[in-house]
């Protein structure tokens, strides 16, 4: 019986009010800079150029060439063992028009095995500052490295990287390659 009385009193009470519905929030203002279409059309090529950063001028513009000072024959980034002769490591690079402080870092790591079998390691690193050279004009870095085959010290196996560096110090993906020279 007490249960029936409790139910009767509970059923006679009005239901609690439903929560009030809130209006949708006001849209937030756009973050960052907003450009008019004509402004965007002027700046898009500049921004694309900046985002591309320092890069090879074309598919044949980075790697090892046969020749002592000029590229007589492009062999590519990793030609394998070089026959007797003189070679250069070179790069033709496009640099963004805007910004100061563009650069590339050249790193070479070699392992030399003498005729007696002694193995030594050698490495070098150099940074080359770059500037825009004009409309569609690549900057030619040659020779980045001079190579003579055969190597007078012994058989040599080398790997190298060319790492673009943005003005803010961030490094882009490195270009890389390898070569070897026989013992005399």
C-alpha atoms as a PDB file:
ATOM      1  CA  UNK A   1       0.000   0.000   0.000  1.00  0.00           C
ATOM      2  CA  UNK A   2       2.700   2.581   0.796  1.00  0.00           C
ATOM      3  CA  UNK A   3       4.106   1.900  -2.632  1.00  0.00           C
ATOM      4  CA  UNK A   4       0.790   2.738  -4.266  1.00  0.00           C
ATOM      5  CA  UNK A   5       0.563   5.978  -2.306  1.00  0.00           C
ATOM      6  CA  UNK A   6       4.085   6.968  -3.361  1.00  0.00           C
ATOM      7  CA  UNK A   7       3.263   6.233  -6.983  1.00  0.00           C
ATOM      8  CA  UNK A   8       0.052   8.212  -6.788  1.00  0.00           C
ATOM      9  CA  UNK A   9       1.803  11.248  -5.363  1.00  0.00           C
ATOM     10  CA  UNK A  10       4.661  10.958  -7.879  1.00  0.00           C
ATOM     11  CA  UNK A  11       2.276  10.764 -10.790  1.00  0.00           C
ATOM     12  CA  UNK A  12       0.436  13.848  -9.649  1.00  0.00           C
ATOM     13  CA  UNK A  13       3.547  16.060  -9.720  1.00  0.00           C
ATOM     14  CA  UNK A  14       4.319  18.095 -12.825  1.00  0.00           C
ATOM     15  CA  UNK A  15       7.380  16.966 -14.798  1.00  0.00           C
ATOM     16  CA  UNK A  16      10.574  19.007 -14.285  1.00  0.00           C
ATOM     17  CA  UNK A  17      11.104  21.613 -17.011  1.00  0.00           C
ATOM     18  CA  UNK A  18      13.205  20.567 -20.018  1.00  0.00           C
ATOM     19  CA  UNK A  19      16.557  22.316 -20.365  1.00  0.00           C
ATOM     20  CA  UNK A  20      16.338  25.456 -22.444  1.00  0.00           C
ATOM     21  CA  UNK A  21      17.649  25.109 -25.959  1.00  0.00           C
ATOM     22  CA  UNK A  22      20.677  27.291 -26.651  1.00  0.00           C
ATOM     23  CA  UNK A  23      20.999  29.115 -29.917  1.00  0.00           C
ATOM     24  CA  UNK A  24      23.841  27.938 -32.193  1.00  0.00           C
ATOM     25  CA  UNK A  25      27.166  29.689 -31.526  1.00  0.00           C
ATOM     26  CA  UNK A  26      28.101  32.638 -33.689  1.00  0.00           C
ATOM     27  CA  UNK A  27      30.637  31.786 -36.397  1.00  0.00           C
ATOM     28  CA  UNK A  28      34.249  32.531 -35.489  1.00  0.00           C
ATOM     29  CA  UNK A  29      36.127  35.052 -37.551  1.00  0.00           C
ATOM     30  CA  UNK A  30      38.578  33.462 -40.006  1.00  0.00           C
ATOM     31  CA  UNK A  31      42.036  33.023 -38.563  1.00  0.00           C
ATOM     32  CA  UNK A  32      44.995  34.394 -40.480  1.00  0.00           C
ATOM     33  CA  UNK A  33      45.135  36.596 -43.496  1.00  0.00           C
ATOM     34  CA  UNK A  34      42.240  36.711 -45.899  1.00  0.00           C
ATOM     35  CA  UNK A  35      43.048  37.565 -49.509  1.00  0.00           C
ATOM     36  CA  UNK A  36      40.867  38.901 -52.250  1.00  0.00           C
ATOM     37  CA  UNK A  37      40.879  36.694 -55.363  1.00  0.00           C
ATOM     38  CA  UNK A  38      43.037  39.166 -57.316  1.00  0.00           C
ATOM     39  CA  UNK A  39      45.596  39.241 -54.467  1.00  0.00           C
ATOM     40  CA  UNK A  40      45.694  35.464 -54.293  1.00  0.00           C
ATOM     41  CA  UNK A  41      46.267  35.236 -58.055  1.00  0.00           C
ATOM     42  CA  UNK A  42      49.331  37.489 -57.713  1.00  0.00           C
ATOM     43  CA  UNK A  43      50.773  35.719 -54.673  1.00  0.00           C
ATOM     44  CA  UNK A  44      50.088  32.072 -55.587  1.00  0.00           C
ATOM     45  CA  UNK A  45      53.180  31.732 -57.850  1.00  0.00           C
ATOM     46  CA  UNK A  46      55.413  33.340 -55.198  1.00  0.00           C
ATOM     47  CA  UNK A  47      54.093  31.058 -52.464  1.00  0.00           C
ATOM     48  CA  UNK A  48      54.464  27.992 -54.716  1.00  0.00           C
ATOM     49  CA  UNK A  49      58.069  29.006 -55.437  1.00  0.00           C
ATOM     50  CA  UNK A  50      58.808  29.439 -51.714  1.00  0.00           C
ATOM     51  CA  UNK A  51      57.270  26.076 -50.867  1.00  0.00           C
ATOM     52  CA  UNK A  52      59.309  24.382 -53.617  1.00  0.00           C
ATOM     53  CA  UNK A  53      62.489  25.813 -52.047  1.00  0.00           C
ATOM     54  CA  UNK A  54      65.928  25.110 -53.501  1.00  0.00           C
ATOM     55  CA  UNK A  55      65.578  22.344 -56.075  1.00  0.00           C
ATOM     56  CA  UNK A  56      67.314  20.850 -59.119  1.00  0.00           C
ATOM     57  CA  UNK A  57      66.614  22.766 -62.325  1.00  0.00           C
ATOM     58  CA  UNK A  58      65.678  19.509 -64.118  1.00  0.00           C
ATOM     59  CA  UNK A  59      66.202  15.744 -63.978  1.00  0.00           C
ATOM     60  CA  UNK A  60      69.714  16.001 -65.467  1.00  0.00           C
ATOM     61  CA  UNK A  61      70.984  18.851 -63.298  1.00  0.00           C
ATOM     62  CA  UNK A  62      72.355  16.927 -60.322  1.00  0.00           C
ATOM     63  CA  UNK A  63      75.005  14.257 -60.214  1.00  0.00           C
ATOM     64  CA  UNK A  64      78.378  13.224 -61.572  1.00  0.00           C
ATOM     65  CA  UNK A  65      79.684  14.297 -64.979  1.00  0.00           C
ATOM     66  CA  UNK A  66      82.627  13.125 -67.019  1.00  0.00           C
ATOM     67  CA  UNK A  67      85.022  16.070 -67.416  1.00  0.00           C
ATOM     68  CA  UNK A  68      87.428  18.093 -65.321  1.00  0.00           C
ATOM     69  CA  UNK A  69      85.712  21.492 -65.297  1.00  0.00           C
ATOM     70  CA  UNK A  70      82.683  21.142 -67.562  1.00  0.00           C
ATOM     71  CA  UNK A  71      80.065  18.453 -67.930  1.00  0.00           C
ATOM     72  CA  UNK A  72      81.029  16.518 -71.038  1.00  0.00           C
ATOM     73  CA  UNK A  73      78.647  13.672 -70.225  1.00  0.00           C
ATOM     74  CA  UNK A  74      76.045  13.474 -67.455  1.00  0.00           C
ATOM     75  CA  UNK A  75      76.320  10.127 -65.624  1.00  0.00           C
ATOM     76  CA  UNK A  76      73.632  10.662 -62.974  1.00  0.00           C
ATOM     77  CA  UNK A  77      73.792  10.704 -59.173  1.00  0.00           C
ATOM     78  CA  UNK A  78      75.014   7.104 -58.712  1.00  0.00           C
ATOM     79  CA  UNK A  79      77.070   5.933 -61.704  1.00  0.00           C
ATOM     80  CA  UNK A  80      78.834   3.076 -59.878  1.00  0.00           C
ATOM     81  CA  UNK A  81      82.568   2.516 -60.437  1.00  0.00           C
ATOM     82  CA  UNK A  82      84.072   5.274 -62.557  1.00  0.00           C
ATOM     83  CA  UNK A  83      86.454   4.279 -65.364  1.00  0.00           C
ATOM     84  CA  UNK A  84      89.832   6.072 -65.555  1.00  0.00           C
ATOM     85  CA  UNK A  85      89.430   9.818 -66.040  1.00  0.00           C
ATOM     86  CA  UNK A  86      88.352  13.051 -64.397  1.00  0.00           C
ATOM     87  CA  UNK A  87      84.866  13.738 -63.103  1.00  0.00           C
ATOM     88  CA  UNK A  88      82.948  16.467 -61.297  1.00  0.00           C
ATOM     89  CA  UNK A  89      79.989  16.397 -58.990  1.00  0.00           C
ATOM     90  CA  UNK A  90      77.695  19.278 -59.900  1.00  0.00           C
ATOM     91  CA  UNK A  91      74.242  20.739 -59.349  1.00  0.00           C
ATOM     92  CA  UNK A  92      72.179  23.271 -61.293  1.00  0.00           C
ATOM     93  CA  UNK A  93      69.702  24.620 -58.751  1.00  0.00           C
ATOM     94  CA  UNK A  94      66.679  26.890 -58.852  1.00  0.00           C
ATOM     95  CA  UNK A  95      66.423  29.214 -55.854  1.00  0.00           C
ATOM     96  CA  UNK A  96      63.223  31.003 -54.771  1.00  0.00           C
ATOM     97  CA  UNK A  97      63.001  34.645 -55.788  1.00  0.00           C
ATOM     98  CA  UNK A  98      61.988  35.800 -52.308  1.00  0.00           C
ATOM     99  CA  UNK A  99      64.033  35.523 -49.133  1.00  0.00           C
ATOM    100  CA  UNK A 100      67.621  35.744 -47.984  1.00  0.00           C
ATOM    101  CA  UNK A 101      69.474  32.856 -46.400  1.00  0.00           C
ATOM    102  CA  UNK A 102      68.820  29.988 -48.813  1.00  0.00           C
ATOM    103  CA  UNK A 103      71.676  27.452 -48.841  1.00  0.00           C
ATOM    104  CA  UNK A 104      72.672  23.863 -49.549  1.00  0.00           C
ATOM    105  CA  UNK A 105      74.905  21.628 -47.462  1.00  0.00           C
ATOM    106  CA  UNK A 106      77.182  19.231 -49.335  1.00  0.00           C
ATOM    107  CA  UNK A 107      78.334  16.186 -47.343  1.00  0.00           C
ATOM    108  CA  UNK A 108      80.692  13.481 -48.643  1.00  0.00           C
ATOM    109  CA  UNK A 109      81.553  10.260 -46.787  1.00  0.00           C
ATOM    110  CA  UNK A 110      84.195   7.949 -48.250  1.00  0.00           C
ATOM    111  CA  UNK A 111      85.779   4.646 -47.342  1.00  0.00           C
ATOM    112  CA  UNK A 112      89.237   4.028 -48.808  1.00  0.00           C
ATOM    113  CA  UNK A 113      90.815   0.577 -48.989  1.00  0.00           C
ATOM    114  CA  UNK A 114      94.556   0.611 -49.652  1.00  0.00           C
ATOM    115  CA  UNK A 115      96.435  -2.066 -51.605  1.00  0.00           C
ATOM    116  CA  UNK A 116      97.462  -3.609 -48.263  1.00  0.00           C
ATOM    117  CA  UNK A 117      93.808  -3.902 -47.200  1.00  0.00           C
ATOM    118  CA  UNK A 118      93.847  -1.101 -44.617  1.00  0.00           C
ATOM    119  CA  UNK A 119      90.475   0.674 -44.499  1.00  0.00           C
ATOM    120  CA  UNK A 120      90.139   4.337 -43.564  1.00  0.00           C
ATOM    121  CA  UNK A 121      87.125   6.610 -43.477  1.00  0.00           C
ATOM    122  CA  UNK A 122      87.021  10.206 -44.571  1.00  0.00           C
ATOM    123  CA  UNK A 123      84.260  12.810 -44.613  1.00  0.00           C
ATOM    124  CA  UNK A 124      83.752  16.460 -45.443  1.00  0.00           C
ATOM    125  CA  UNK A 125      80.859  18.892 -45.170  1.00  0.00           C
ATOM    126  CA  UNK A 126      80.477  22.318 -46.808  1.00  0.00           C
ATOM    127  CA  UNK A 127      77.656  24.843 -46.879  1.00  0.00           C
ATOM    128  CA  UNK A 128      77.033  26.960 -49.981  1.00  0.00           C
ATOM    129  CA  UNK A 129      74.867  30.103 -49.597  1.00  0.00           C
ATOM    130  CA  UNK A 130      72.512  30.731 -52.536  1.00  0.00           C
ATOM    131  CA  UNK A 131      70.595  33.666 -54.045  1.00  0.00           C
ATOM    132  CA  UNK A 132      68.003  33.942 -56.778  1.00  0.00           C
ATOM    133  CA  UNK A 133      69.838  34.204 -60.109  1.00  0.00           C
ATOM    134  CA  UNK A 134      67.074  35.602 -62.283  1.00  0.00           C
ATOM    135  CA  UNK A 135      64.033  34.355 -64.105  1.00  0.00           C
ATOM    136  CA  UNK A 136      64.429  30.621 -64.809  1.00  0.00           C
ATOM    137  CA  UNK A 137      68.217  30.879 -64.381  1.00  0.00           C
ATOM    138  CA  UNK A 138      69.669  28.042 -62.364  1.00  0.00           C
ATOM    139  CA  UNK A 139      72.654  28.518 -60.111  1.00  0.00           C
ATOM    140  CA  UNK A 140      75.437  26.181 -61.216  1.00  0.00           C
ATOM    141  CA  UNK A 141      77.537  24.714 -58.434  1.00  0.00           C
ATOM    142  CA  UNK A 142      80.404  23.032 -60.235  1.00  0.00           C
ATOM    143  CA  UNK A 143      82.552  21.435 -59.228  1.00  0.00           C
ATOM    144  CA  UNK A 144      80.944  20.588 -55.912  1.00  0.00           C
ATOM    145  CA  UNK A 145      83.530  17.835 -55.856  1.00  0.00           C
ATOM    146  CA  UNK A 146      86.385  16.836 -58.159  1.00  0.00           C
ATOM    147  CA  UNK A 147      86.952  13.115 -58.657  1.00  0.00           C
ATOM    148  CA  UNK A 148      89.904  11.366 -60.271  1.00  0.00           C
ATOM    149  CA  UNK A 149      89.788   7.687 -61.168  1.00  0.00           C
ATOM    150  CA  UNK A 150      91.681   5.603 -60.237  1.00  0.00           C
ATOM    151  CA  UNK A 151      92.251   7.033 -56.781  1.00  0.00           C
ATOM    152  CA  UNK A 152      95.951   7.177 -55.878  1.00  0.00           C
ATOM    153  CA  UNK A 153      95.257   6.210 -52.232  1.00  0.00           C
ATOM    154  CA  UNK A 154      93.364   3.013 -53.060  1.00  0.00           C
ATOM    155  CA  UNK A 155      89.873   1.838 -53.928  1.00  0.00           C
ATOM    156  CA  UNK A 156      87.356   4.434 -52.822  1.00  0.00           C
ATOM    157  CA  UNK A 157      83.607   4.128 -52.194  1.00  0.00           C
ATOM    158  CA  UNK A 158      81.800   7.398 -51.531  1.00  0.00           C
ATOM    159  CA  UNK A 159      78.272   8.505 -50.721  1.00  0.00           C
ATOM    160  CA  UNK A 160      77.142  12.107 -50.838  1.00  0.00           C
ATOM    161  CA  UNK A 161      74.141  14.271 -50.027  1.00  0.00           C
ATOM    162  CA  UNK A 162      73.108  17.757 -51.035  1.00  0.00           C
ATOM    163  CA  UNK A 163      70.616  19.117 -48.506  1.00  0.00           C
ATOM    164  CA  UNK A 164      68.618  22.298 -49.258  1.00  0.00           C
ATOM    165  CA  UNK A 165      68.300  24.662 -46.285  1.00  0.00           C
ATOM    166  CA  UNK A 166      65.488  27.225 -45.980  1.00  0.00           C
ATOM    167  CA  UNK A 167      66.079  30.728 -44.557  1.00  0.00           C
ATOM    168  CA  UNK A 168      64.506  29.603 -41.248  1.00  0.00           C
ATOM    169  CA  UNK A 169      67.102  26.812 -40.953  1.00  0.00           C
ATOM    170  CA  UNK A 170      64.708  23.967 -41.798  1.00  0.00           C
ATOM    171  CA  UNK A 171      66.247  21.275 -43.982  1.00  0.00           C
ATOM    172  CA  UNK A 172      64.432  19.849 -46.975  1.00  0.00           C
ATOM    173  CA  UNK A 173      64.774  16.314 -48.325  1.00  0.00           C
ATOM    174  CA  UNK A 174      68.370  15.675 -49.375  1.00  0.00           C
ATOM    175  CA  UNK A 175      69.459  14.702 -52.863  1.00  0.00           C
ATOM    176  CA  UNK A 176      71.900  11.810 -52.704  1.00  0.00           C
ATOM    177  CA  UNK A 177      74.173   9.594 -54.716  1.00  0.00           C
ATOM    178  CA  UNK A 178      77.287   7.435 -54.657  1.00  0.00           C
ATOM    179  CA  UNK A 179      80.361   6.593 -56.701  1.00  0.00           C
ATOM    180  CA  UNK A 180      83.428   4.425 -56.448  1.00  0.00           C
ATOM    181  CA  UNK A 181      86.899   4.469 -57.978  1.00  0.00           C
ATOM    182  CA  UNK A 182      89.285   1.546 -58.319  1.00  0.00           C
ATOM    183  CA  UNK A 183      92.751   1.246 -56.846  1.00  0.00           C
ATOM    184  CA  UNK A 184      95.591   2.170 -59.266  1.00  0.00           C
END
